[in-house]
Amino acid sequence: MRSHSREIIIYYNSESSSDRRALAYAKSISKHIVAYDHSKNSITSTNWKMILSKLDREPKLLLNKAHPYYQKNIKGKEFNDEDWINILQKNPDLIKAPIAISGSTILVLDTPTDVLRLT
């Protein structure tokens, strides 16, 4: 997964004020934004595999472990990578932060201003 160097692809949750702020910062640094709201449209398993490969992270590291659903249904259980990707797809509200891609750079935006590191 690669974007044009001036384009920013951002995967975010429009129901999260922090994610919306990250999107606003992205729009302030580039006119070329492709925004995917994962609360409304599921990210394909193929895209998740590419994202995770570029991030060099395990899927479970993208999850908000404090979320009540995580605490009740996931905590303490072992899953393979496919199962974790399934969890990401079916429970996008568990994703703890937006993900931004510009050129060959991909970042997990732990704070809204992290997107500024793409400039």
Foldseek 3Di string as FASTA:
>chain_A
DFDAQQAKEKEFAPVDPQRVLLVVVNVVRHVHYHYHHLVVPFDDLVVVVVLCVLVVDQLVVQFDCVDPCCVVPPPPDDDDRVVSSVCCRVPVVRGQAMWMHHGSDIDGCNGSCVSVVSD
